[in-house]
């Protein structure tokens, strides 16, 4: 099953407020599909300080872009939603089981796009991570 044609446009609408731009749709493992969105690292960290993203790169900061990866299996079912140091599926499962259920299905692609935006929003609203929590 392929990603629905209008799905990337729905994601663009949901992720643009967070500074993300559409990157690419690429073949995934085992016949799946990846959908990638990019954000400018410097402006993203200024807009969302305290998430620990800059610290996670150490001396390799800044990367060319920050990336949000959505991975789908060969049937078009979501298998991963990762943004840098965050696993959006795991975060949603621990915070909001209904959101996790919406992220885990493509029965309604437009709602899945909304759920991706909501999950990212929850991650960005977390309490700042103390800098001393990172190993140097």
N, C-alpha and C. Protein backbone atom coordinates (compact mmCIF):
# COMPACT_ATOMS: atom_id res chain seq x y z
N UNK A 1 0.84 -1.18 0.00
CA UNK A 1 0.00 0.00 0.00
C UNK A 1 0.89 1.24 0.00
N UNK A 2 0.62 2.14 -0.88
CA UNK A 2 1.37 3.38 -0.95
C UNK A 2 0.78 4.43 -0.01
N UNK A 3 1.62 5.41 0.32
CA UNK A 3 1.16 6.54 1.12
C UNK A 3 0.14 7.30 0.27
N UNK A 4 -1.02 7.67 0.83
CA UNK A 4 -2.00 8.44 0.05
C UNK A 4 -1.39 9.73 -0.50
N UNK A 5 -1.78 10.07 -1.70
CA UNK A 5 -1.20 11.20 -2.42
C UNK A 5 -1.32 12.53 -1.65
N UNK A 6 -2.43 12.73 -0.95
CA UNK A 6 -2.63 14.01 -0.24
C UNK A 6 -2.07 14.00 1.19
N UNK A 7 -1.53 12.86 1.64
CA UNK A 7 -1.00 12.76 2.99
C UNK A 7 0.15 13.74 3.26
N UNK A 8 1.16 13.85 2.37
CA UNK A 8 2.22 14.84 2.64
C UNK A 8 1.69 16.26 2.79
N UNK A 9 0.68 16.63 2.00
CA UNK A 9 0.11 17.97 2.13
C UNK A 9 -0.53 18.16 3.50
N UNK A 10 -1.19 17.13 4.01
CA UNK A 10 -1.78 17.21 5.35
C UNK A 10 -0.70 17.38 6.40
N UNK A 11 0.41 16.65 6.24
CA UNK A 11 1.52 16.78 7.18
C UNK A 11 2.14 18.17 7.11
N UNK A 12 2.28 18.70 5.91
CA UNK A 12 2.84 20.05 5.76
C UNK A 12 2.03 21.05 6.58
N UNK A 13 0.71 20.95 6.49
CA UNK A 13 -0.16 21.85 7.25
C UNK A 13 0.03 21.70 8.75
N UNK A 14 0.22 20.48 9.22
CA UNK A 14 0.34 20.22 10.66
C UNK A 14 1.72 20.57 11.21
N UNK A 15 2.77 20.41 10.39
CA UNK A 15 4.13 20.57 10.89
C UNK A 15 4.74 21.95 10.62
N UNK A 16 4.16 22.69 9.69
CA UNK A 16 4.69 24.04 9.37
C UNK A 16 4.74 24.96 10.59
N UNK A 17 3.74 24.94 11.47
CA UNK A 17 3.82 25.84 12.65
C UNK A 17 5.03 25.57 13.55
N UNK A 18 5.61 24.38 13.44
CA UNK A 18 6.78 24.03 14.24
C UNK A 18 8.10 24.28 13.49
N UNK A 19 8.01 24.82 12.28
CA UNK A 19 9.20 25.13 11.52
C UNK A 19 9.67 24.02 10.60
N UNK A 20 8.84 23.04 10.34
CA UNK A 20 9.23 21.92 9.47
C UNK A 20 8.80 22.15 8.03
N UNK A 21 9.66 21.70 7.13
CA UNK A 21 9.37 21.72 5.71
C UNK A 21 9.47 20.30 5.18
N UNK A 22 8.67 20.01 4.17
CA UNK A 22 8.70 18.69 3.56
C UNK A 22 10.09 18.41 3.00
N UNK A 23 10.61 17.22 3.30
CA UNK A 23 11.93 16.84 2.81
C UNK A 23 11.85 15.87 1.65
N UNK A 24 11.30 14.68 1.91
CA UNK A 24 11.29 13.66 0.86
C UNK A 24 10.41 12.48 1.26
N UNK A 25 10.02 11.73 0.26
CA UNK A 25 9.43 10.40 0.46
C UNK A 25 10.43 9.44 -0.16
N UNK A 26 10.93 8.50 0.64
CA UNK A 26 11.95 7.58 0.18
C UNK A 26 11.53 6.14 0.46
N UNK A 27 12.10 5.19 -0.30
CA UNK A 27 11.82 3.79 0.00
C UNK A 27 12.39 3.42 1.36
N UNK A 28 11.64 2.65 2.11
CA UNK A 28 12.09 2.20 3.41
C UNK A 28 12.55 0.75 3.36
N UNK A 29 12.83 0.22 4.51
CA UNK A 29 13.26 -1.17 4.60
C UNK A 29 12.10 -2.10 4.28
N UNK A 30 12.42 -3.24 3.70
CA UNK A 30 11.43 -4.29 3.44
C UNK A 30 10.22 -3.79 2.67
N UNK A 31 10.44 -2.88 1.72
CA UNK A 31 9.35 -2.41 0.87
C UNK A 31 8.48 -1.34 1.48
N UNK A 32 8.88 -0.80 2.60
CA UNK A 32 8.11 0.26 3.24
C UNK A 32 8.41 1.62 2.64
N UNK A 33 7.97 2.65 3.34
CA UNK A 33 8.12 4.03 2.87
C UNK A 33 8.51 4.92 4.04
N UNK A 34 9.39 5.89 3.78
CA UNK A 34 9.76 6.89 4.76
C UNK A 34 9.28 8.25 4.28
N UNK A 35 8.76 9.05 5.20
CA UNK A 35 8.40 10.43 4.91
C UNK A 35 9.26 11.27 5.85
N UNK A 36 10.02 12.21 5.27
CA UNK A 36 10.98 12.98 6.05
C UNK A 36 10.64 14.47 5.97
N UNK A 37 10.69 15.13 7.13
CA UNK A 37 10.53 16.57 7.22
C UNK A 37 11.77 17.14 7.88
N UNK A 38 12.16 18.34 7.44
CA UNK A 38 13.37 18.99 7.95
C UNK A 38 13.04 20.31 8.61
N UNK A 39 13.86 20.65 9.62
CA UNK A 39 13.76 21.96 10.28
C UNK A 39 15.16 22.53 10.41
N UNK A 40 15.28 23.84 10.32
CA UNK A 40 16.55 24.52 10.52
C UNK A 40 16.95 24.37 11.99
N UNK A 41 18.14 23.82 12.26
CA UNK A 41 18.52 23.55 13.65
C UNK A 41 18.61 24.79 14.53
N UNK A 42 19.25 25.84 14.04
CA UNK A 42 19.45 27.03 14.86
C UNK A 42 18.12 27.70 15.23
N UNK A 43 17.27 27.90 14.24
CA UNK A 43 16.00 28.57 14.53
C UNK A 43 15.08 27.67 15.35
N UNK A 44 15.14 26.36 15.14
CA UNK A 44 14.30 25.44 15.91
C UNK A 44 14.69 25.48 17.39
N UNK A 45 15.98 25.42 17.66
CA UNK A 45 16.44 25.42 19.06
C UNK A 45 16.13 26.76 19.73
N UNK A 46 16.22 27.86 18.96
CA UNK A 46 15.83 29.16 19.54
C UNK A 46 14.35 29.19 19.89
N UNK A 47 13.53 28.60 19.03
CA UNK A 47 12.09 28.60 19.26
C UNK A 47 11.67 27.60 20.34
N UNK A 48 12.46 26.54 20.49
CA UNK A 48 12.12 25.46 21.43
C UNK A 48 13.34 25.12 22.28
N UNK A 49 13.76 26.03 23.15
CA UNK A 49 14.96 25.76 23.96
C UNK A 49 14.70 24.72 25.04
N UNK A 50 15.76 24.14 25.50
CA UNK A 50 15.66 23.25 26.66
C UNK A 50 15.25 21.83 26.36
N UNK A 51 15.17 21.43 25.11
CA UNK A 51 14.78 20.05 24.79
C UNK A 51 15.96 19.09 24.82
N UNK A 52 17.17 19.62 24.82
CA UNK A 52 18.36 18.77 24.85
C UNK A 52 18.85 18.37 23.47
N UNK A 53 18.24 18.92 22.43
CA UNK A 53 18.64 18.53 21.07
C UNK A 53 20.05 19.01 20.77
N UNK A 54 20.34 20.27 21.06
CA UNK A 54 21.67 20.81 20.78
C UNK A 54 22.73 20.03 21.54
N UNK A 55 22.47 19.74 22.80
CA UNK A 55 23.42 19.00 23.64
C UNK A 55 23.64 17.58 23.13
N UNK A 56 22.61 16.98 22.53
CA UNK A 56 22.76 15.60 22.05
C UNK A 56 23.76 15.51 20.90
N UNK A 57 24.02 16.61 20.21
CA UNK A 57 24.99 16.62 19.11
C UNK A 57 26.41 16.89 19.57
N UNK A 58 26.55 17.45 20.75
CA UNK A 58 27.88 17.76 21.26
C UNK A 58 28.65 18.66 20.31
N UNK A 59 29.87 18.27 19.99
CA UNK A 59 30.73 19.07 19.11
C UNK A 59 30.28 19.05 17.66
N UNK A 60 29.34 18.20 17.30
CA UNK A 60 28.85 18.12 15.92
C UNK A 60 27.69 19.08 15.64
N UNK A 61 27.38 19.94 16.61
CA UNK A 61 26.32 20.92 16.42
C UNK A 61 26.83 22.07 15.58
N UNK A 62 26.07 22.58 14.66
CA UNK A 62 24.73 22.18 14.24
C UNK A 62 24.78 21.22 13.05
N UNK A 63 23.81 20.33 12.96
CA UNK A 63 23.71 19.48 11.78
C UNK A 63 23.14 20.30 10.62
N UNK A 64 23.11 19.71 9.44
CA UNK A 64 22.53 20.40 8.28
C UNK A 64 21.05 20.70 8.51
N UNK A 65 20.34 19.77 9.15
CA UNK A 65 18.93 19.99 9.49
C UNK A 65 18.55 19.04 10.61
N UNK A 66 17.46 19.36 11.29
CA UNK A 66 16.83 18.44 12.22
C UNK A 66 15.78 17.71 11.43
N UNK A 67 15.63 16.42 11.69
CA UNK A 67 14.71 15.63 10.87
C UNK A 67 13.66 14.91 11.68
N UNK A 68 12.47 14.92 11.13
CA UNK A 68 11.34 14.14 11.62
C UNK A 68 11.12 13.03 10.60
N UNK A 69 11.24 11.78 11.05
CA UNK A 69 11.07 10.62 10.18
C UNK A 69 9.79 9.88 10.54
N UNK A 70 8.97 9.65 9.55
CA UNK A 70 7.80 8.80 9.69
C UNK A 70 8.05 7.57 8.81
N UNK A 71 7.98 6.39 9.42
CA UNK A 71 8.27 5.15 8.69
C UNK A 71 7.01 4.29 8.65
N UNK A 72 6.79 3.72 7.46
CA UNK A 72 5.62 2.88 7.22
C UNK A 72 6.08 1.55 6.66
N UNK A 73 5.39 0.47 7.04
CA UNK A 73 5.73 -0.84 6.49
C UNK A 73 5.18 -0.99 5.08
N UNK A 74 5.38 -2.15 4.47
CA UNK A 74 4.96 -2.38 3.09
C UNK A 74 3.45 -2.33 2.91
N UNK A 75 2.70 -2.39 3.99
CA UNK A 75 1.24 -2.31 3.92
C UNK A 75 0.74 -0.87 4.14
N UNK A 76 1.67 0.04 4.42
CA UNK A 76 1.29 1.43 4.67
C UNK A 76 0.97 1.72 6.12
N UNK A 77 1.23 0.76 7.01
CA UNK A 77 0.98 0.96 8.44
C UNK A 77 2.16 1.67 9.10
N UNK A 78 1.91 2.62 9.98
CA UNK A 78 2.99 3.33 10.67
C UNK A 78 3.78 2.39 11.57
N UNK A 79 5.11 2.47 11.49
CA UNK A 79 5.95 1.65 12.37
C UNK A 79 6.91 2.49 13.21
N UNK A 80 7.10 3.76 12.84
CA UNK A 80 7.98 4.64 13.62
C UNK A 80 7.66 6.09 13.32
N UNK A 81 7.85 6.92 14.33
CA UNK A 81 7.72 8.38 14.20
C UNK A 81 8.78 8.97 15.11
N UNK A 82 9.90 9.37 14.52
CA UNK A 82 11.05 9.81 15.29
C UNK A 82 11.44 11.23 14.94
N UNK A 83 11.68 12.02 15.98
CA UNK A 83 12.24 13.35 15.81
C UNK A 83 13.45 13.48 16.71
N UNK A 84 14.61 13.48 16.10
CA UNK A 84 15.87 13.62 16.80
C UNK A 84 15.94 12.68 18.00
N UNK A 85 15.93 13.18 19.22
CA UNK A 85 16.07 12.35 20.41
C UNK A 85 14.74 11.81 20.92
N UNK A 86 13.66 12.03 20.18
CA UNK A 86 12.32 11.66 20.64
C UNK A 86 11.69 10.59 19.75
N UNK A 87 11.13 9.58 20.39
CA UNK A 87 10.32 8.57 19.71
C UNK A 87 8.87 8.98 19.97
N UNK A 88 8.23 9.57 18.97
CA UNK A 88 6.88 10.11 19.17
C UNK A 88 5.86 9.03 19.51
N UNK A 89 6.03 7.82 18.97
CA UNK A 89 5.10 6.73 19.31
C UNK A 89 5.22 6.36 20.78
N UNK A 90 6.44 6.22 21.26
CA UNK A 90 6.65 5.86 22.67
C UNK A 90 6.19 6.98 23.59
N UNK A 91 6.50 8.22 23.22
CA UNK A 91 6.07 9.36 24.04
C UNK A 91 4.54 9.39 24.14
N UNK A 92 3.87 9.20 23.00
CA UNK A 92 2.40 9.22 23.01
C UNK A 92 1.84 8.07 23.83
N UNK A 93 2.47 6.90 23.74
CA UNK A 93 1.99 5.75 24.50
C UNK A 93 2.06 6.01 26.00
N UNK A 94 3.08 6.74 26.43
CA UNK A 94 3.23 6.99 27.86
C UNK A 94 2.39 8.16 28.36
N UNK A 95 1.99 9.06 27.46
CA UNK A 95 1.26 10.25 27.86
C UNK A 95 -0.23 10.17 27.52
N UNK A 96 -0.54 9.66 26.33
CA UNK A 96 -1.91 9.71 25.82
C UNK A 96 -2.20 8.48 24.95
N UNK A 97 -2.73 7.41 25.55
CA UNK A 97 -2.98 6.18 24.79
C UNK A 97 -3.87 6.38 23.56
N UNK A 98 -4.82 7.30 23.62
CA UNK A 98 -5.67 7.54 22.45
C UNK A 98 -4.86 8.16 21.32
N UNK A 99 -3.96 9.06 21.63
CA UNK A 99 -3.10 9.64 20.61
C UNK A 99 -2.19 8.56 20.03
N UNK A 100 -1.67 7.70 20.88
CA UNK A 100 -0.83 6.60 20.40
C UNK A 100 -1.61 5.71 19.42
N UNK A 101 -2.86 5.43 19.74
CA UNK A 101 -3.69 4.62 18.85
C UNK A 101 -3.87 5.31 17.49
N UNK A 102 -4.06 6.61 17.49
CA UNK A 102 -4.22 7.36 16.24
C UNK A 102 -2.93 7.39 15.44
N UNK A 103 -1.78 7.43 16.13
CA UNK A 103 -0.48 7.42 15.45
C UNK A 103 -0.15 6.05 14.87
N UNK A 104 -0.80 5.03 15.36
CA UNK A 104 -0.48 3.65 14.99
C UNK A 104 -1.31 3.12 13.83
N UNK A 105 -2.14 3.95 13.23
CA UNK A 105 -2.97 3.49 12.12
C UNK A 105 -3.08 4.56 11.04
N UNK A 106 -3.24 4.09 9.81
CA UNK A 106 -3.46 5.00 8.70
C UNK A 106 -4.87 4.83 8.16
N UNK A 107 -5.79 4.35 9.00
CA UNK A 107 -7.18 4.21 8.57
C UNK A 107 -7.74 5.54 8.08
N UNK A 108 -7.34 6.63 8.73
CA UNK A 108 -7.73 7.98 8.34
C UNK A 108 -6.45 8.81 8.21
N UNK A 109 -5.87 8.87 6.99
CA UNK A 109 -4.59 9.58 6.82
C UNK A 109 -4.61 11.03 7.29
N UNK A 110 -5.71 11.73 7.08
CA UNK A 110 -5.79 13.13 7.53
C UNK A 110 -5.69 13.20 9.05
N UNK A 111 -6.36 12.27 9.76
CA UNK A 111 -6.28 12.26 11.22
C UNK A 111 -4.88 11.84 11.67
N UNK A 112 -4.25 10.93 10.94
CA UNK A 112 -2.88 10.55 11.29
C UNK A 112 -1.96 11.76 11.22
N UNK A 113 -2.11 12.59 10.19
CA UNK A 113 -1.30 13.80 10.08
C UNK A 113 -1.55 14.73 11.27
N UNK A 114 -2.79 14.89 11.66
CA UNK A 114 -3.13 15.71 12.82
C UNK A 114 -2.48 15.11 14.08
N UNK A 115 -2.53 13.79 14.22
CA UNK A 115 -1.95 13.12 15.38
C UNK A 115 -0.43 13.32 15.42
N UNK A 116 0.23 13.31 14.27
CA UNK A 116 1.68 13.57 14.24
C UNK A 116 1.95 14.97 14.77
N UNK A 117 1.18 15.94 14.34
CA UNK A 117 1.33 17.31 14.84
C UNK A 117 1.08 17.40 16.33
N UNK A 118 0.05 16.71 16.82
CA UNK A 118 -0.24 16.73 18.25
C UNK A 118 0.87 16.07 19.06
N UNK A 119 1.39 14.95 18.57
CA UNK A 119 2.47 14.25 19.28
C UNK A 119 3.72 15.11 19.33
N UNK A 120 4.05 15.76 18.23
CA UNK A 120 5.21 16.65 18.23
C UNK A 120 4.97 17.81 19.20
N UNK A 121 3.77 18.36 19.20
CA UNK A 121 3.44 19.44 20.12
C UNK A 121 3.61 19.03 21.57
N UNK A 122 3.21 17.80 21.91
CA UNK A 122 3.37 17.32 23.29
C UNK A 122 4.84 17.24 23.67
N UNK A 123 5.68 16.77 22.75
CA UNK A 123 7.11 16.67 23.02
C UNK A 123 7.70 18.05 23.23
N UNK A 124 7.30 19.01 22.41
CA UNK A 124 7.86 20.35 22.49
C UNK A 124 7.39 21.11 23.72
N UNK A 125 6.30 20.69 24.33
CA UNK A 125 5.79 21.34 25.54
C UNK A 125 6.33 20.73 26.82
N UNK A 126 7.22 19.74 26.71
CA UNK A 126 7.79 19.10 27.89
C UNK A 126 8.62 20.11 28.68
N UNK A 127 8.82 19.77 29.94
CA UNK A 127 9.69 20.58 30.79
C UNK A 127 11.11 20.52 30.23
N UNK A 128 11.85 21.61 30.28
CA UNK A 128 13.24 21.61 29.81
C UNK A 128 14.08 20.56 30.54
N UNK A 129 14.99 19.97 29.81
CA UNK A 129 15.89 18.97 30.36
C UNK A 129 17.10 19.68 30.96
N UNK A 130 17.43 19.40 32.23
CA UNK A 130 18.61 20.03 32.82
C UNK A 130 19.87 19.64 32.05
N UNK A 131 20.73 20.62 31.79
CA UNK A 131 21.95 20.38 31.00
C UNK A 131 22.85 19.33 31.64
N UNK A 132 22.84 19.21 32.97
CA UNK A 132 23.72 18.24 33.61
C UNK A 132 23.22 16.81 33.48
N UNK A 133 22.09 16.59 32.83
CA UNK A 133 21.60 15.24 32.58
C UNK A 133 22.32 14.59 31.41
N UNK A 134 23.14 15.32 30.70
CA UNK A 134 23.86 14.80 29.55
C UNK A 134 25.29 14.49 29.93
N UNK A 135 25.78 13.37 29.44
CA UNK A 135 27.17 13.03 29.66
C UNK A 135 28.03 13.84 28.71
N UNK A 136 29.15 14.27 29.18
CA UNK A 136 30.04 15.05 28.33
C UNK A 136 31.17 14.21 27.88
